[in-house]
């Protein structure tokens, strides 16, 4: 019975090691993917709750903590405000503000 338990323990360690070393095709760990998803969701929520930005279609994507904002806004104030909101979220390393001002 002792050899069987040792074998089971070794197999569990191997499985844990394999799981912890998993990465996506883009080279991210499952934890990084979850972090990026949380950042995106938090920014979208804040933009929706903002009285100046809630009606605007602003696309938010996050990759390794780098956020990209895309879409159209009415003026420079809204563009700057969206960037400030995104920058204020914990875990955001950089914001690429690609928002365009409508003519």
N, C-alpha and C. Protein backbone atom coordinates (compact mmCIF):
# COMPACT_ATOMS: atom_id res chain seq x y z
N UNK A 1 0.82 -1.19 0.00
CA UNK A 1 0.00 0.00 0.00
C UNK A 1 0.87 1.26 0.00
N UNK A 2 2.05 1.22 0.61
CA UNK A 2 2.93 2.37 0.68
C UNK A 2 3.45 2.79 -0.68
N UNK A 3 3.79 1.81 -1.53
CA UNK A 3 4.28 2.13 -2.87
C UNK A 3 3.19 2.78 -3.71
N UNK A 4 1.97 2.34 -3.50
CA UNK A 4 0.85 2.91 -4.27
C UNK A 4 0.64 4.39 -3.90
N UNK A 5 0.73 4.70 -2.64
CA UNK A 5 0.57 6.10 -2.19
C UNK A 5 1.70 6.98 -2.71
N UNK A 6 2.88 6.46 -2.71
CA UNK A 6 4.02 7.21 -3.24
C UNK A 6 3.81 7.48 -4.73
N UNK A 7 3.36 6.44 -5.46
CA UNK A 7 3.08 6.60 -6.88
C UNK A 7 1.99 7.65 -7.11
N UNK A 8 0.92 7.60 -6.32
CA UNK A 8 -0.17 8.58 -6.44
C UNK A 8 0.33 9.99 -6.15
N UNK A 9 1.15 10.13 -5.14
CA UNK A 9 1.69 11.44 -4.78
C UNK A 9 2.56 11.99 -5.91
N UNK A 10 3.39 11.13 -6.50
CA UNK A 10 4.24 11.55 -7.61
C UNK A 10 3.39 11.97 -8.80
N UNK A 11 2.36 11.20 -9.11
CA UNK A 11 1.47 11.53 -10.22
C UNK A 11 0.76 12.87 -9.98
N UNK A 12 0.33 13.10 -8.75
CA UNK A 12 -0.33 14.37 -8.42
C UNK A 12 0.65 15.54 -8.61
N UNK A 13 1.88 15.38 -8.18
CA UNK A 13 2.87 16.43 -8.36
C UNK A 13 3.13 16.71 -9.84
N UNK A 14 3.17 15.66 -10.63
CA UNK A 14 3.38 15.84 -12.07
C UNK A 14 2.20 16.58 -12.68
N UNK A 15 0.97 16.19 -12.32
CA UNK A 15 -0.21 16.87 -12.84
C UNK A 15 -0.27 18.34 -12.42
N UNK A 16 0.07 18.60 -11.18
CA UNK A 16 0.09 19.99 -10.70
C UNK A 16 1.12 20.81 -11.47
N UNK A 17 2.29 20.23 -11.69
CA UNK A 17 3.33 20.92 -12.45
C UNK A 17 2.88 21.21 -13.87
N UNK A 18 2.24 20.23 -14.51
CA UNK A 18 1.76 20.43 -15.87
C UNK A 18 0.71 21.53 -15.92
N UNK A 19 -0.21 21.54 -14.96
CA UNK A 19 -1.25 22.56 -14.95
C UNK A 19 -0.66 23.94 -14.73
N UNK A 20 0.26 24.04 -13.81
CA UNK A 20 0.85 25.35 -13.50
C UNK A 20 1.71 25.90 -14.63
N UNK A 21 2.21 25.03 -15.47
CA UNK A 21 3.08 25.49 -16.56
C UNK A 21 2.30 25.70 -17.86
N UNK A 22 0.98 25.57 -17.81
CA UNK A 22 0.17 25.78 -19.02
C UNK A 22 0.22 27.24 -19.44
N UNK A 23 0.29 27.46 -20.74
CA UNK A 23 0.23 28.80 -21.30
C UNK A 23 -0.65 28.77 -22.54
N UNK A 24 -1.21 29.91 -22.86
CA UNK A 24 -2.02 30.02 -24.06
C UNK A 24 -1.10 30.12 -25.28
N UNK A 25 -1.65 30.00 -26.49
CA UNK A 25 -0.81 30.17 -27.68
C UNK A 25 -0.11 31.53 -27.72
N UNK A 26 -0.70 32.52 -27.07
CA UNK A 26 -0.08 33.85 -27.03
C UNK A 26 0.95 33.97 -25.92
N UNK A 27 1.21 32.88 -25.21
CA UNK A 27 2.24 32.90 -24.19
C UNK A 27 1.78 33.43 -22.84
N UNK A 28 0.47 33.43 -22.60
CA UNK A 28 -0.05 33.91 -21.32
C UNK A 28 -0.50 32.75 -20.46
N UNK A 29 -0.36 32.91 -19.16
CA UNK A 29 -0.85 31.89 -18.23
C UNK A 29 -2.35 32.08 -18.04
N UNK A 30 -3.03 31.06 -17.52
CA UNK A 30 -4.46 31.22 -17.25
C UNK A 30 -4.74 32.41 -16.32
N UNK A 31 -3.87 32.65 -15.37
CA UNK A 31 -4.04 33.78 -14.45
C UNK A 31 -3.98 35.11 -15.17
N UNK A 32 -3.07 35.24 -16.13
CA UNK A 32 -2.97 36.48 -16.90
C UNK A 32 -4.21 36.71 -17.74
N UNK A 33 -4.76 35.65 -18.30
CA UNK A 33 -5.98 35.78 -19.10
C UNK A 33 -7.12 36.26 -18.22
N UNK A 34 -7.23 35.68 -17.02
CA UNK A 34 -8.29 36.10 -16.09
C UNK A 34 -8.08 37.55 -15.68
N UNK A 35 -6.85 37.94 -15.39
CA UNK A 35 -6.56 39.33 -15.02
C UNK A 35 -6.99 40.29 -16.13
N UNK A 36 -6.63 39.98 -17.38
CA UNK A 36 -7.00 40.84 -18.51
C UNK A 36 -8.52 40.92 -18.66
N UNK A 37 -9.20 39.80 -18.47
CA UNK A 37 -10.66 39.78 -18.56
C UNK A 37 -11.27 40.66 -17.48
N UNK A 38 -10.74 40.59 -16.27
CA UNK A 38 -11.25 41.43 -15.18
C UNK A 38 -10.99 42.91 -15.44
N UNK A 39 -9.83 43.23 -15.96
CA UNK A 39 -9.51 44.62 -16.28
C UNK A 39 -10.50 45.15 -17.32
N UNK A 40 -10.71 44.39 -18.39
CA UNK A 40 -11.65 44.80 -19.45
C UNK A 40 -13.04 45.01 -18.89
N UNK A 41 -13.52 44.05 -18.10
CA UNK A 41 -14.87 44.15 -17.54
C UNK A 41 -15.00 45.36 -16.61
N UNK A 42 -13.99 45.61 -15.81
CA UNK A 42 -14.03 46.74 -14.89
C UNK A 42 -14.07 48.06 -15.64
N UNK A 43 -13.25 48.19 -16.67
CA UNK A 43 -13.23 49.42 -17.47
C UNK A 43 -14.58 49.62 -18.15
N UNK A 44 -15.12 48.58 -18.75
CA UNK A 44 -16.42 48.70 -19.43
C UNK A 44 -17.50 49.14 -18.45
N UNK A 45 -17.47 48.59 -17.24
CA UNK A 45 -18.44 48.96 -16.21
C UNK A 45 -18.30 50.43 -15.85
N UNK A 46 -17.07 50.88 -15.64
CA UNK A 46 -16.82 52.28 -15.28
C UNK A 46 -17.24 53.24 -16.40
N UNK A 47 -16.97 52.85 -17.65
CA UNK A 47 -17.37 53.69 -18.78
C UNK A 47 -18.90 53.77 -18.87
N UNK A 48 -19.56 52.65 -18.64
CA UNK A 48 -21.02 52.61 -18.69
C UNK A 48 -21.64 53.46 -17.58
N UNK A 49 -21.01 53.46 -16.41
CA UNK A 49 -21.52 54.22 -15.27
C UNK A 49 -21.21 55.72 -15.37
N UNK A 50 -20.27 56.09 -16.21
CA UNK A 50 -19.86 57.48 -16.32
C UNK A 50 -20.95 58.30 -17.04
N UNK A 51 -21.37 59.41 -16.46
CA UNK A 51 -22.45 60.20 -17.07
C UNK A 51 -22.08 60.80 -18.43
N UNK A 52 -20.81 60.99 -18.71
CA UNK A 52 -20.39 61.57 -19.99
C UNK A 52 -20.14 60.52 -21.07
N UNK A 53 -19.89 59.28 -20.67
CA UNK A 53 -19.47 58.26 -21.63
C UNK A 53 -20.44 57.10 -21.78
N UNK A 54 -21.47 57.04 -20.96
CA UNK A 54 -22.32 55.85 -20.91
C UNK A 54 -23.03 55.54 -22.22
N UNK A 55 -23.34 56.52 -23.04
CA UNK A 55 -24.06 56.26 -24.28
C UNK A 55 -23.16 56.03 -25.48
N UNK A 56 -21.87 56.03 -25.27
CA UNK A 56 -20.93 55.90 -26.39
C UNK A 56 -20.47 54.46 -26.56
N UNK A 57 -20.25 54.09 -27.81
CA UNK A 57 -19.77 52.73 -28.12
C UNK A 57 -18.25 52.74 -28.11
N UNK A 58 -17.70 52.40 -26.96
CA UNK A 58 -16.25 52.35 -26.81
C UNK A 58 -15.85 50.89 -26.61
N UNK A 59 -14.99 50.41 -27.51
CA UNK A 59 -14.50 49.05 -27.43
C UNK A 59 -13.27 49.02 -26.54
N UNK A 60 -13.21 48.02 -25.67
CA UNK A 60 -12.09 47.88 -24.74
C UNK A 60 -11.50 46.48 -24.90
N UNK A 61 -10.20 46.42 -25.15
CA UNK A 61 -9.50 45.13 -25.17
C UNK A 61 -8.27 45.24 -24.28
N UNK A 62 -7.90 44.13 -23.68
CA UNK A 62 -6.74 44.12 -22.79
C UNK A 62 -5.88 42.91 -23.11
N UNK A 63 -4.57 43.14 -23.21
CA UNK A 63 -3.61 42.06 -23.44
C UNK A 63 -2.39 42.32 -22.58
N UNK A 64 -2.15 41.44 -21.64
CA UNK A 64 -1.02 41.56 -20.71
C UNK A 64 -1.01 42.91 -20.00
N UNK A 65 -2.19 43.36 -19.59
CA UNK A 65 -2.31 44.62 -18.85
C UNK A 65 -2.31 45.86 -19.71
N UNK A 66 -2.14 45.71 -21.02
CA UNK A 66 -2.14 46.85 -21.94
C UNK A 66 -3.54 46.97 -22.54
N UNK A 67 -4.18 48.11 -22.28
CA UNK A 67 -5.56 48.34 -22.69
C UNK A 67 -5.59 49.15 -23.98
N UNK A 68 -6.48 48.77 -24.88
CA UNK A 68 -6.70 49.53 -26.11
C UNK A 68 -8.15 49.97 -26.14
N UNK A 69 -8.36 51.28 -26.32
CA UNK A 69 -9.70 51.85 -26.44
C UNK A 69 -9.91 52.21 -27.91
N UNK A 70 -11.05 51.77 -28.46
CA UNK A 70 -11.38 52.10 -29.85
C UNK A 70 -12.85 52.51 -29.92
N UNK A 71 -13.14 53.34 -30.90
CA UNK A 71 -14.50 53.81 -31.09
C UNK A 71 -14.49 55.29 -31.42
N UNK A 72 -15.64 55.91 -31.25
CA UNK A 72 -15.76 57.34 -31.56
C UNK A 72 -16.41 58.07 -30.39
N UNK A 73 -15.90 59.25 -30.11
CA UNK A 73 -16.44 60.12 -29.06
C UNK A 73 -16.74 61.48 -29.67
N UNK A 74 -17.46 62.30 -28.94
CA UNK A 74 -17.89 63.59 -29.46
C UNK A 74 -16.81 64.68 -29.37
N UNK A 75 -15.91 64.58 -28.39
CA UNK A 75 -14.94 65.66 -28.20
C UNK A 75 -13.70 65.17 -27.45
N UNK A 76 -12.72 66.04 -27.34
CA UNK A 76 -11.45 65.71 -26.68
C UNK A 76 -11.65 65.40 -25.20
N UNK A 77 -12.58 66.09 -24.55
CA UNK A 77 -12.86 65.84 -23.14
C UNK A 77 -13.25 64.37 -22.93
N UNK A 78 -14.16 63.86 -23.77
CA UNK A 78 -14.60 62.47 -23.63
C UNK A 78 -13.46 61.49 -23.91
N UNK A 79 -12.63 61.81 -24.87
CA UNK A 79 -11.47 60.96 -25.19
C UNK A 79 -10.53 60.90 -23.99
N UNK A 80 -10.22 62.06 -23.42
CA UNK A 80 -9.33 62.12 -22.26
C UNK A 80 -9.94 61.43 -21.05
N UNK A 81 -11.25 61.60 -20.87
CA UNK A 81 -11.94 61.01 -19.72
C UNK A 81 -11.91 59.48 -19.81
N UNK A 82 -12.15 58.93 -20.98
CA UNK A 82 -12.11 57.48 -21.17
C UNK A 82 -10.71 56.94 -20.85
N UNK A 83 -9.70 57.64 -21.30
CA UNK A 83 -8.33 57.22 -21.02
C UNK A 83 -8.03 57.29 -19.52
N UNK A 84 -8.50 58.34 -18.86
CA UNK A 84 -8.27 58.49 -17.42
C UNK A 84 -8.95 57.36 -16.64
N UNK A 85 -10.14 57.00 -17.05
CA UNK A 85 -10.86 55.91 -16.38
C UNK A 85 -10.09 54.61 -16.56
N UNK A 86 -9.67 54.32 -17.78
CA UNK A 86 -8.93 53.09 -18.04
C UNK A 86 -7.62 53.06 -17.25
N UNK A 87 -6.93 54.18 -17.20
CA UNK A 87 -5.65 54.25 -16.50
C UNK A 87 -5.79 54.06 -15.00
N UNK A 88 -6.97 54.37 -14.46
CA UNK A 88 -7.18 54.32 -13.01
C UNK A 88 -7.42 52.90 -12.49
N UNK A 89 -7.60 51.95 -13.38
CA UNK A 89 -7.93 50.59 -12.96
C UNK A 89 -6.66 49.83 -12.58
N UNK A 90 -6.71 49.16 -11.44
CA UNK A 90 -5.56 48.40 -10.97
C UNK A 90 -5.20 47.29 -11.96
N UNK A 91 -3.93 47.18 -12.26
CA UNK A 91 -3.44 46.17 -13.19
C UNK A 91 -3.17 46.69 -14.58
N UNK A 92 -3.66 47.90 -14.88
CA UNK A 92 -3.44 48.49 -16.20
C UNK A 92 -2.01 49.03 -16.25
N UNK A 93 -1.26 48.56 -17.24
CA UNK A 93 0.13 48.99 -17.39
C UNK A 93 0.26 50.12 -18.40
N UNK A 94 -0.61 50.12 -19.41
CA UNK A 94 -0.54 51.12 -20.48
C UNK A 94 -1.91 51.22 -21.13
N UNK A 95 -2.25 52.42 -21.62
CA UNK A 95 -3.50 52.62 -22.34
C UNK A 95 -3.20 53.16 -23.73
N UNK A 96 -3.66 52.45 -24.75
CA UNK A 96 -3.57 52.91 -26.13
C UNK A 96 -4.92 53.53 -26.46
N UNK A 97 -4.96 54.84 -26.51
CA UNK A 97 -6.22 55.53 -26.76
C UNK A 97 -6.37 55.78 -28.25
N UNK A 98 -7.11 54.90 -28.93
CA UNK A 98 -7.33 55.02 -30.36
C UNK A 98 -8.72 55.59 -30.67
N UNK A 99 -9.32 56.21 -29.66
CA UNK A 99 -10.64 56.80 -29.86
C UNK A 99 -10.55 57.96 -30.86
N UNK A 100 -11.52 58.03 -31.74
CA UNK A 100 -11.56 59.10 -32.73
C UNK A 100 -12.66 60.09 -32.35
N UNK A 101 -12.39 61.35 -32.61
CA UNK A 101 -13.37 62.39 -32.35
C UNK A 101 -14.24 62.55 -33.59
N UNK A 102 -15.57 62.46 -33.37
CA UNK A 102 -16.51 62.59 -34.50
C UNK A 102 -16.43 63.99 -35.06
N UNK A 103 -16.61 64.10 -36.38
CA UNK A 103 -16.58 65.41 -37.02
C UNK A 103 -17.95 66.00 -37.11
